[in-house]
Protein backbone atom coordinates (compact mmCIF):
# COMPACT_ATOMS: atom_id res chain seq x y z
CA MET A 1 124.17 46.25 -71.57
CA SER A 2 126.00 43.31 -73.17
CA ASP A 3 123.54 43.21 -76.08
CA HIS A 4 124.11 46.93 -76.60
CA ASP A 5 127.89 46.43 -76.67
CA ASP A 6 127.58 43.48 -79.06
CA LEU A 7 125.35 45.50 -81.37
CA LEU A 8 127.74 48.45 -81.25
CA ASP A 9 130.70 46.16 -82.00
CA ALA A 10 128.86 44.54 -84.90
CA MET A 11 127.95 47.94 -86.32
CA MET A 12 131.53 49.21 -86.04
CA ASN A 13 132.88 46.03 -87.66
CA ALA A 14 130.41 46.36 -90.52
CA LYS A 15 131.38 50.03 -90.96
CA GLN A 16 135.07 49.16 -91.00
CA ALA A 17 134.51 46.45 -93.60
CA ALA A 18 132.46 48.80 -95.78
CA ASP A 19 135.02 51.60 -95.46
CA LEU A 20 137.87 49.23 -96.30
CA ALA A 21 136.01 47.92 -99.35
CA LYS A 22 135.30 51.50 -100.45
CA LEU A 23 138.95 52.48 -100.01
CA ARG A 24 140.15 49.45 -101.97
CA ALA A 25 137.70 50.19 -104.78
CA GLU A 26 138.90 53.80 -104.89
CA GLN A 27 142.52 52.66 -105.00
CA ALA A 28 141.71 50.28 -107.85
CA ARG A 29 139.95 53.09 -109.76
CA HIS A 30 142.94 55.39 -109.22
CA ILE A 31 145.39 52.75 -110.42
CA GLN A 32 143.19 51.96 -113.44
CA ALA A 33 142.91 55.66 -114.29
CA HIS A 34 146.71 55.99 -114.14
CA ALA A 35 147.14 52.92 -116.35
CA ASN A 36 144.57 54.31 -118.82
CA HIS A 37 146.44 57.61 -118.91
CA VAL A 38 149.76 55.86 -119.62
CA ASN A 39 148.08 53.76 -122.33
CA LEU A 40 146.59 56.89 -123.89
CA LEU A 41 149.98 58.58 -123.96
CA ASN A 42 151.55 55.50 -125.53
CA GLN A 43 148.78 55.36 -128.14
CA GLN A 44 149.26 59.04 -128.96
CA ALA A 45 152.99 58.49 -129.38
CA MET A 46 152.38 55.54 -131.68
CA ASN A 47 149.92 57.59 -133.73
CA MET A 48 152.41 60.44 -134.01
CA ALA A 49 155.11 58.02 -135.14
CA ARG A 50 152.79 56.48 -137.74
CA ASN A 51 151.74 59.87 -139.12
CA GLN A 52 155.24 61.23 -139.67
CA HIS A 53 156.18 61.77 -143.26
CA ASP A 54 159.03 59.99 -144.95
CA HIS A 55 161.98 62.37 -144.94
CA GLY A 56 163.42 61.17 -148.20
CA TRP A 57 165.38 63.20 -150.69
CA ASN A 58 162.19 64.11 -152.60
CA ASP A 59 160.47 65.75 -149.63
CA PRO A 60 160.63 69.50 -150.29
CA ARG A 61 160.47 70.23 -146.57
CA ALA A 62 163.68 68.29 -146.05
CA MET A 63 165.44 70.32 -148.74
CA MET A 64 164.48 73.56 -146.94
CA GLY A 65 165.45 72.25 -143.48
CA ALA A 66 161.90 72.59 -142.11
CA VAL A 67 161.63 68.96 -141.02
CA GLN A 68 164.56 69.12 -138.64
CA LYS A 69 163.19 72.29 -137.00
CA ALA A 70 159.73 70.75 -136.61
CA GLU A 71 161.15 67.55 -135.15
CA GLY A 72 163.35 69.45 -132.71
CA SER A 73 160.36 71.35 -131.35
CA ALA A 74 158.11 68.26 -131.25
CA ILE A 75 160.50 66.24 -129.10
CA SER A 76 160.50 68.29 -125.93
CA GLY A 77 160.46 67.36 -122.26
CA ALA A 78 156.72 67.96 -122.10
CA MET A 79 156.00 65.51 -124.91
CA ARG A 80 158.37 62.78 -123.75
CA LEU A 81 156.57 59.65 -122.60
CA PRO A 82 157.77 57.99 -119.42
CA SER A 83 159.64 54.75 -119.85
CA SER A 84 158.07 51.59 -118.49
CA GLU A 85 160.43 51.74 -115.50
CA GLU A 86 159.40 55.34 -114.78
CA ALA A 87 155.72 54.44 -115.16
CA TYR A 88 156.11 51.51 -112.77
CA GLU A 89 157.94 53.75 -110.28
CA GLN A 90 155.14 56.32 -110.51
CA LEU A 91 152.62 53.53 -109.95
CA ARG A 92 154.60 52.30 -106.93
CA GLN A 93 154.58 55.84 -105.53
CA VAL A 94 150.80 56.08 -106.02
CA ILE A 95 150.34 52.75 -104.25
CA ARG A 96 152.66 53.81 -101.42
CA VAL A 97 150.77 57.09 -100.94
CA SER A 98 147.40 55.34 -101.02
CA GLU A 99 148.59 52.78 -98.44
CA ASN A 100 149.79 55.61 -96.18
CA LEU A 101 146.42 57.33 -96.55
CA ARG A 102 144.62 54.08 -95.78
CA ALA A 103 146.69 53.64 -92.61
CA LYS A 104 145.92 57.22 -91.54
CA VAL A 105 142.21 56.69 -92.17
CA GLU A 106 142.26 53.48 -90.12
CA ARG A 107 144.05 55.23 -87.23
CA THR A 108 141.53 58.05 -87.36
CA GLU A 109 138.64 55.58 -87.38
CA ARG A 110 140.06 53.85 -84.29
CA LYS A 111 140.39 57.18 -82.49
CA VAL A 112 136.82 58.13 -83.42
CA GLU A 113 135.60 54.74 -82.18
CA GLN A 114 137.39 55.26 -78.86
CA LEU A 115 135.97 58.76 -78.47
CA SER A 116 132.52 57.53 -79.47
CA GLY A 117 132.71 54.72 -76.91
CA PHE A 118 133.82 57.15 -74.22
CA TYR A 119 131.00 59.56 -75.13
CA HIS A 120 128.41 56.77 -74.97
CA TRP A 121 129.79 55.60 -71.64
CA VAL A 122 129.66 59.13 -70.18
CA THR A 123 126.14 59.79 -71.43
CA GLU A 124 124.86 56.50 -69.99
CA VAL A 125 126.71 56.56 -66.68
CA HIS A 126 126.73 60.33 -66.04
CA PRO A 127 123.99 62.00 -68.11
CA GLU A 128 124.21 65.12 -65.94
CA LEU A 129 127.79 65.72 -67.16
CA ALA A 130 126.64 65.68 -70.78
CA ALA A 131 123.85 68.15 -69.97
CA GLN A 132 126.30 70.46 -68.13
CA TYR A 133 128.78 70.28 -71.01
CA LYS A 134 126.06 71.13 -73.55
CA ALA A 135 124.94 74.10 -71.43
CA MET A 136 128.53 75.39 -71.13
CA ARG A 137 129.10 74.95 -74.87
CA ASP A 138 125.91 76.88 -75.66
CA LEU A 139 127.01 79.69 -73.34
CA TYR A 140 130.48 79.77 -74.93
CA GLU A 141 129.04 79.91 -78.46
CA ALA A 142 126.59 82.64 -77.48
CA ALA A 143 129.36 84.71 -75.87
CA ASN A 144 131.70 84.35 -78.87
CA ALA A 145 129.12 84.79 -81.62
CA GLN A 146 129.79 87.51 -84.17
CA PRO A 147 127.42 90.49 -83.91
CA ASN A 148 125.97 89.92 -87.39
CA GLU A 149 125.59 86.16 -86.91
CA ALA A 150 122.39 84.67 -85.65
CA PRO A 151 122.87 82.10 -82.85
CA GLN A 152 122.83 78.58 -84.22
CA ARG A 153 120.66 75.99 -82.50
CA GLU A 154 121.14 72.26 -82.60
CA VAL A 155 118.19 70.07 -83.36
């Protein structure tokens, strides 16, 4: 039984390490995507600034007042780029949320491991209890099945 426990522990440790590596890679992708989005917005703002016309006295649009109206509508809350402080704060919030999610996932994994260990213990020590539980569950599902549903069988 000791070999079985050692194997189970090794498998769970390997799963935890793989899940943690996957979560960290996903966090890194999310942070990189956010940074790419901020860079894209900054690049768009720089392009817009470069493409603006000189509003000198010889620009006919300036004489008609069209430039001021166009500028007023272009600089709106939706088009405003976040400052570097705001971008860093948003990044901190993303990191904080991802760390909270990671902690929740780890807690859930520990609970699943405990339940899995208990299930394996019950099935090895008291296999008749597992068989009785399965029979009761099948009866419950059959009694509560919808009339138009076919009974589902486990393989």
